């Protein structure tokens, strides 16, 4: 059996723990016993989550063998990474375990311990900037649900930990077992899209200006339509000049830049998750011209769409004329 140790601290996020833990437990009960699951902390005993729930843990000094170490995220992570013993524990086990995993802001602990140096990683969208501050050598993938680089796995916010746990279950057992667990937990076997599709909609909904909030949501849901500034301004009953000025001031980018960013995010989602014909991809993203799409994608992502899909896609190859690496 594989020992999975989930590392906690005061004010951890309870779903970061219980979400992946339940996925692992499901494999033990629905398929065959595969994991020995342990919840650990430095002192052992009861550890309090950020919502006040207390969880019984074992002392980390009692951990004798460990296949996978999972570092849980939460609002207490900054205090945890200031603890030298906490970082030393992660450093020691980075070289010992078969897999080092972080959920949400748990990636900050891996970064502070040096476990992510020179590696690709992701985190909750709120912690991306902080992750970069801790180790500038990390190749950050801000839109990914989860990232694998060697034996280190990082995941985005909260429920993304369950997505990653499901992927690990598939690796340790079978695709059929992972699909059975996904059905039982009423979750996607493989989630479509990246975390930006959720964070951007939330960003639009939380905008203090109701008019701009509505137009941002309209853009997100109508990328195939005409989204020129004058069209959006008419929806807001404003002149193009006033609309552009207000939008740029509040959203910190121009309307044109916002539309382009949302369209490129849609393109990345399609490339990540589907085998799609070139013409359909361009049309679904709201582009009428292949060359315009190609330039916009490279400008925003830094590689061609073909190169992006080769790295992150499901294995299918786009038509050759989509573009080449420049």
Protein backbone atom coordinates (compact mmCIF):
# COMPACT_ATOMS: atom_id res chain seq x y z
CA UNK A 1 0.00 0.00 0.00
CA UNK A 2 1.05 3.58 -0.64
CA UNK A 3 1.21 5.89 2.38
CA UNK A 4 -0.27 9.31 1.69
CA UNK A 5 0.50 11.91 4.37
CA UNK A 6 -1.47 15.16 4.38
CA UNK A 7 0.45 17.92 6.15
CA UNK A 8 -1.61 20.40 8.20
CA UNK A 9 -0.98 23.45 10.41
CA UNK A 10 -3.11 25.93 12.31
CA UNK A 11 -5.69 27.75 10.11
CA UNK A 12 -5.45 25.38 7.17
CA UNK A 13 -8.29 25.21 4.62
CA UNK A 14 -10.54 22.30 5.50
CA UNK A 15 -11.60 21.54 1.90
CA UNK A 16 -7.95 21.37 0.83
CA UNK A 17 -7.65 18.47 3.25
CA UNK A 18 -10.99 16.69 3.06
CA UNK A 19 -11.48 17.00 -0.72
CA UNK A 20 -8.37 15.06 -1.82
CA UNK A 21 -8.63 12.82 1.26
CA UNK A 22 -12.13 11.74 0.24
CA UNK A 23 -10.99 10.96 -3.32
CA UNK A 24 -8.19 8.73 -1.97
CA UNK A 25 -10.58 7.11 0.50
CA UNK A 26 -13.07 6.39 -2.28
CA UNK A 27 -10.48 4.30 -4.10
CA UNK A 28 -9.94 2.24 -0.96
CA UNK A 29 -13.67 1.56 -0.57
CA UNK A 30 -14.93 1.40 -4.17
CA UNK A 31 -12.06 -0.43 -5.81
CA UNK A 32 -9.38 -2.03 -3.65
CA UNK A 33 -7.29 -0.87 -0.66
CA UNK A 34 -4.48 1.15 -2.21
CA UNK A 35 -3.67 3.94 0.23
CA UNK A 36 -2.74 4.23 3.88
CA UNK A 37 -3.94 7.79 4.66
CA UNK A 38 -2.40 9.83 7.46
CA UNK A 39 -3.08 13.41 8.57
CA UNK A 40 0.02 14.89 10.20
CA UNK A 41 1.23 18.08 11.84
CA UNK A 42 4.30 19.07 13.80
CA UNK A 43 2.79 18.77 17.30
CA UNK A 44 0.15 16.15 16.52
CA UNK A 45 -3.20 16.22 18.30
CA UNK A 46 -6.02 18.57 17.37
CA UNK A 47 -5.28 21.18 14.69
CA UNK A 48 -7.85 23.89 13.98
CA UNK A 49 -8.89 24.74 10.43
CA UNK A 50 -9.69 28.30 9.37
CA UNK A 51 -13.44 27.59 9.73
CA UNK A 52 -12.99 26.43 13.33
CA UNK A 53 -13.27 22.70 12.71
CA UNK A 54 -10.68 20.67 14.60
CA UNK A 55 -8.96 17.67 13.04
CA UNK A 56 -7.03 14.95 14.86
CA UNK A 57 -3.48 14.60 13.51
CA UNK A 58 -0.44 12.44 14.15
CA UNK A 59 2.97 13.91 14.95
CA UNK A 60 5.02 14.18 11.80
CA UNK A 61 7.90 12.56 13.66
CA UNK A 62 5.84 9.34 13.65
CA UNK A 63 5.93 9.18 9.84
CA UNK A 64 8.18 6.25 8.97
CA UNK A 65 7.49 5.76 5.29
CA UNK A 66 5.71 8.02 2.85
CA UNK A 67 4.94 7.60 -0.83
CA UNK A 68 3.09 10.90 -1.33
CA UNK A 69 3.31 14.00 0.85
CA UNK A 70 0.46 16.49 0.34
CA UNK A 71 0.94 20.04 1.68
CA UNK A 72 -2.45 21.58 2.40
CA UNK A 73 -3.23 25.25 1.70
CA UNK A 74 -5.02 27.82 3.81
CA UNK A 75 -4.83 31.29 5.30
CA UNK A 76 -2.32 30.04 7.87
CA UNK A 77 0.26 29.18 5.21
CA UNK A 78 2.29 32.39 5.62
CA UNK A 79 2.73 31.72 9.32
CA UNK A 80 3.56 28.09 8.56
CA UNK A 81 6.35 28.98 6.11
CA UNK A 82 7.93 31.22 8.74
CA UNK A 83 8.46 28.06 10.82
CA UNK A 84 11.94 26.69 10.03
CA UNK A 85 10.99 23.23 11.26
CA UNK A 86 8.06 23.17 8.83
CA UNK A 87 10.31 24.05 5.89
CA UNK A 88 13.01 21.58 6.95
CA UNK A 89 10.41 18.80 7.10
CA UNK A 90 9.34 19.55 3.53
CA UNK A 91 12.94 19.82 2.35
CA UNK A 92 13.86 16.43 3.83
CA UNK A 93 10.86 14.69 2.32
CA UNK A 94 11.21 16.27 -1.11
CA UNK A 95 14.15 13.96 -1.73
CA UNK A 96 12.59 10.97 0.04
CA UNK A 97 9.04 10.67 -1.26
CA UNK A 98 7.86 9.39 -4.61
CA UNK A 99 5.51 12.34 -5.02
CA UNK A 100 5.43 15.82 -3.49
CA UNK A 101 2.01 17.47 -3.84
CA UNK A 102 0.54 20.85 -2.91
CA UNK A 103 -3.07 21.95 -2.83
CA UNK A 104 -3.93 25.61 -3.40
CA UNK A 105 -1.62 27.92 -1.42
CA UNK A 106 0.31 24.91 -0.14
CA UNK A 107 2.54 25.65 -3.13
CA UNK A 108 3.94 28.60 -1.17
CA UNK A 109 5.44 26.13 1.30
CA UNK A 110 7.04 24.14 -1.51
CA UNK A 111 8.43 27.36 -2.99
CA UNK A 112 9.80 28.56 0.36
CA UNK A 113 11.42 25.14 0.91
CA UNK A 114 13.08 25.23 -2.52
CA UNK A 115 11.10 22.25 -3.80
CA UNK A 116 9.83 24.17 -6.84
CA UNK A 117 13.11 25.72 -7.98
CA UNK A 118 13.33 25.63 -11.77
CA UNK A 119 10.02 23.76 -12.04
CA UNK A 120 6.63 24.50 -13.57
CA UNK A 121 3.91 25.08 -10.97
CA UNK A 122 0.54 26.61 -10.32
CA UNK A 123 -1.48 27.81 -7.33
CA UNK A 124 -4.73 29.54 -6.48
CA UNK A 125 -5.01 32.64 -8.66
CA UNK A 126 -4.83 34.87 -5.57
CA UNK A 127 -1.37 33.48 -4.68
CA UNK A 128 0.31 33.51 -8.10
CA UNK A 129 2.19 36.76 -7.46
CA UNK A 130 3.30 35.58 -4.02
CA UNK A 131 4.54 32.31 -5.49
CA UNK A 132 6.73 34.22 -7.92
CA UNK A 133 8.11 36.39 -5.10
CA UNK A 134 9.22 33.35 -3.12
CA UNK A 135 11.18 31.81 -6.01
CA UNK A 136 11.69 33.67 -9.27
CA UNK A 137 12.97 30.51 -10.98
CA UNK A 138 9.51 28.89 -10.89
CA UNK A 139 7.83 28.65 -14.30
CA UNK A 140 4.32 29.61 -13.24
CA UNK A 141 1.27 28.39 -15.18
CA UNK A 142 -1.42 30.67 -13.70
CA UNK A 143 -4.38 29.17 -15.58
CA UNK A 144 -3.69 25.49 -14.94
CA UNK A 145 -5.94 23.34 -12.75
CA UNK A 146 -2.89 21.28 -11.80
CA UNK A 147 0.70 20.84 -13.01
CA UNK A 148 3.09 17.89 -12.95
CA UNK A 149 6.85 18.49 -13.16
CA UNK A 150 8.87 15.43 -12.37
CA UNK A 151 7.67 14.10 -9.06
CA UNK A 152 6.25 17.45 -7.92
CA UNK A 153 2.55 18.18 -8.41
CA UNK A 154 0.85 21.51 -7.70
CA UNK A 155 -2.84 22.39 -7.97
CA UNK A 156 -4.94 25.54 -8.14
CA UNK A 157 -7.51 26.62 -5.59
CA UNK A 158 -9.39 24.35 -3.19
CA UNK A 159 -11.51 22.01 -5.37
CA UNK A 160 -8.63 21.69 -7.85
CA UNK A 161 -7.03 19.51 -5.20
CA UNK A 162 -9.76 16.96 -5.89
CA UNK A 163 -9.04 17.14 -9.62
CA UNK A 164 -5.38 16.41 -8.92
CA UNK A 165 -6.23 13.63 -6.46
CA UNK A 166 -8.43 12.02 -9.13
CA UNK A 167 -5.56 12.17 -11.62
CA UNK A 168 -3.28 10.48 -9.08
CA UNK A 169 -5.89 7.79 -8.48
CA UNK A 170 -6.03 7.11 -12.22
CA UNK A 171 -2.25 6.76 -12.25
CA UNK A 172 -2.17 4.48 -9.20
CA UNK A 173 -5.15 2.35 -10.19
CA UNK A 174 -7.06 2.77 -13.46
CA UNK A 175 -9.11 5.13 -15.58
CA UNK A 176 -12.21 3.09 -14.77
CA UNK A 177 -11.64 3.51 -11.02
CA UNK A 178 -11.13 7.26 -11.39
CA UNK A 179 -14.33 7.57 -13.45
CA UNK A 180 -16.24 5.53 -10.87
CA UNK A 181 -15.07 7.88 -8.11
CA UNK A 182 -15.93 10.97 -10.17
CA UNK A 183 -19.47 9.67 -10.73
CA UNK A 184 -19.86 8.79 -7.06
CA UNK A 185 -18.72 12.26 -5.95
CA UNK A 186 -20.70 13.98 -8.73
CA UNK A 187 -17.61 15.73 -10.05
CA UNK A 188 -16.09 16.07 -13.50
CA UNK A 189 -13.72 13.27 -14.48
CA UNK A 190 -11.67 15.92 -16.27
CA UNK A 191 -12.72 19.50 -15.76
CA UNK A 192 -12.99 21.67 -18.88
CA UNK A 193 -10.99 24.90 -18.91
CA UNK A 194 -8.59 26.61 -16.59
CA UNK A 195 -9.09 28.46 -13.34
CA UNK A 196 -9.22 31.83 -15.12
CA UNK A 197 -12.69 31.06 -16.47
CA UNK A 198 -13.92 31.02 -12.88
CA UNK A 199 -11.80 33.84 -11.46
CA UNK A 200 -12.66 36.21 -14.32
CA UNK A 201 -16.38 35.67 -13.96
CA UNK A 202 -16.06 36.27 -10.24
CA UNK A 203 -13.96 39.36 -10.95
CA UNK A 204 -16.73 40.69 -13.19
CA UNK A 205 -19.45 39.89 -10.66
CA UNK A 206 -17.52 41.62 -7.88
CA UNK A 207 -16.98 44.80 -9.88
CA UNK A 208 -18.42 47.72 -7.89
CA UNK A 209 -19.93 49.26 -11.02
CA UNK A 210 -23.08 47.32 -11.97
CA UNK A 211 -23.01 48.52 -15.58
CA UNK A 212 -19.43 47.38 -16.15
CA UNK A 213 -20.07 44.14 -14.26
CA UNK A 214 -22.91 43.36 -16.65
CA UNK A 215 -20.88 44.18 -19.75
CA UNK A 216 -17.94 42.03 -18.54
CA UNK A 217 -20.26 39.08 -18.06
CA UNK A 218 -21.76 39.76 -21.49
CA UNK A 219 -18.28 39.66 -23.02
CA UNK A 220 -17.44 36.40 -21.24
CA UNK A 221 -20.62 34.73 -22.49
CA UNK A 222 -20.68 36.17 -26.02
CA UNK A 223 -17.15 35.92 -27.36
CA UNK A 224 -18.37 35.00 -30.86
CA UNK A 225 -20.33 38.24 -31.20
CA UNK A 226 -19.25 41.71 -32.32
CA UNK A 227 -17.48 43.15 -29.25
CA UNK A 228 -16.06 46.36 -30.65
CA UNK A 229 -15.90 49.32 -28.28
CA UNK A 230 -18.77 51.14 -29.97
CA UNK A 231 -21.02 48.08 -29.65
CA UNK A 232 -20.21 47.63 -25.95
CA UNK A 233 -20.63 51.36 -25.32
CA UNK A 234 -24.14 51.27 -26.80
CA UNK A 235 -25.07 48.47 -24.40
CA UNK A 236 -24.07 50.78 -21.57
CA UNK A 237 -25.81 53.81 -23.10
CA UNK A 238 -22.49 55.66 -23.15
CA UNK A 239 -20.30 57.28 -25.76
CA UNK A 240 -17.37 55.18 -26.93
CA UNK A 241 -14.92 57.66 -25.42
CA UNK A 242 -16.54 57.76 -21.98
CA UNK A 243 -17.05 54.00 -21.94
CA UNK A 244 -13.40 53.33 -22.80
CA UNK A 245 -12.17 55.79 -20.19
CA UNK A 246 -14.37 54.38 -17.41
CA UNK A 247 -13.69 50.75 -18.33
CA UNK A 248 -9.91 51.27 -18.37
CA UNK A 249 -9.96 53.10 -15.05
CA UNK A 250 -11.96 50.43 -13.23
CA UNK A 251 -10.81 47.24 -14.95
CA UNK A 252 -7.13 48.30 -15.31
CA UNK A 253 -7.10 47.45 -19.03
CA UNK A 254 -8.80 48.74 -22.15
CA UNK A 255 -12.03 47.15 -23.46
CA UNK A 256 -10.11 45.78 -26.45
CA UNK A 257 -7.47 44.21 -24.23
CA UNK A 258 -10.14 42.66 -21.99
CA UNK A 259 -11.96 41.13 -24.96
CA UNK A 260 -8.71 39.77 -26.40
CA UNK A 261 -7.69 38.24 -23.06
CA UNK A 262 -11.06 36.48 -22.69
CA UNK A 263 -10.91 35.18 -26.27
CA UNK A 264 -7.41 33.81 -25.82
CA UNK A 265 -8.49 32.14 -22.57
CA UNK A 266 -11.30 30.46 -24.51
CA UNK A 267 -8.77 29.31 -27.13
CA UNK A 268 -6.52 27.87 -24.40
CA UNK A 269 -9.45 26.02 -22.86
CA UNK A 270 -10.32 24.47 -26.23
CA UNK A 271 -6.70 23.53 -26.89
CA UNK A 272 -6.37 22.03 -23.41
CA UNK A 273 -9.40 19.82 -23.57
CA UNK A 274 -10.59 19.08 -27.09
CA UNK A 275 -9.53 17.87 -30.50
CA UNK A 276 -10.96 20.67 -32.60
CA UNK A 277 -10.70 21.75 -36.23
CA UNK A 278 -8.89 25.01 -36.86
CA UNK A 279 -11.88 26.76 -38.40
CA UNK A 280 -14.14 25.86 -35.47
CA UNK A 281 -11.54 26.99 -32.91
CA UNK A 282 -11.11 30.39 -34.53
CA UNK A 283 -14.86 30.92 -34.86
CA UNK A 284 -15.65 29.88 -31.30
CA UNK A 285 -13.10 32.37 -30.03
CA UNK A 286 -14.71 35.19 -32.03
CA UNK A 287 -12.00 35.63 -34.66
CA UNK A 288 -12.82 35.93 -38.35
CA UNK A 289 -9.21 35.99 -39.49
CA UNK A 290 -6.64 33.26 -38.87
CA UNK A 291 -3.67 35.62 -38.97
CA UNK A 292 -5.25 37.94 -36.39
CA UNK A 293 -5.90 34.97 -34.09
CA UNK A 294 -2.37 33.64 -34.55
CA UNK A 295 -0.78 36.99 -33.66
CA UNK A 296 -3.11 37.55 -30.69
CA UNK A 297 -2.39 34.10 -29.27
CA UNK A 298 1.37 34.53 -29.55
CA UNK A 299 1.17 38.05 -28.07
CA UNK A 300 -0.72 36.82 -24.99
CA UNK A 301 0.81 33.39 -24.45
CA UNK A 302 4.31 33.71 -25.84
CA UNK A 303 4.16 30.56 -28.00
CA UNK A 304 2.11 29.49 -31.00
CA UNK A 305 -1.20 27.74 -30.49
CA UNK A 306 0.25 24.55 -31.95
CA UNK A 307 3.15 24.61 -29.49
CA UNK A 308 0.74 25.31 -26.63
CA UNK A 309 -1.49 22.36 -27.52
CA UNK A 310 1.49 20.06 -27.91
CA UNK A 311 2.41 20.81 -24.30
CA UNK A 312 -1.01 21.05 -22.65
CA UNK A 313 -3.51 19.47 -25.02
CA UNK A 314 -5.17 16.04 -24.89
CA UNK A 315 -2.77 14.61 -27.47
CA UNK A 316 -4.51 15.58 -30.70
CA UNK A 317 -2.67 17.73 -33.22
CA UNK A 318 -4.11 20.88 -34.75
CA UNK A 319 -3.88 21.40 -38.48
CA UNK A 320 -0.40 22.30 -39.53
CA UNK A 321 -1.32 25.79 -40.71
CA UNK A 322 -2.35 26.91 -37.21
CA UNK A 323 1.10 28.39 -36.72
CA UNK A 324 4.67 27.49 -35.89
CA UNK A 325 6.85 28.28 -32.91
CA UNK A 326 8.58 31.61 -33.40
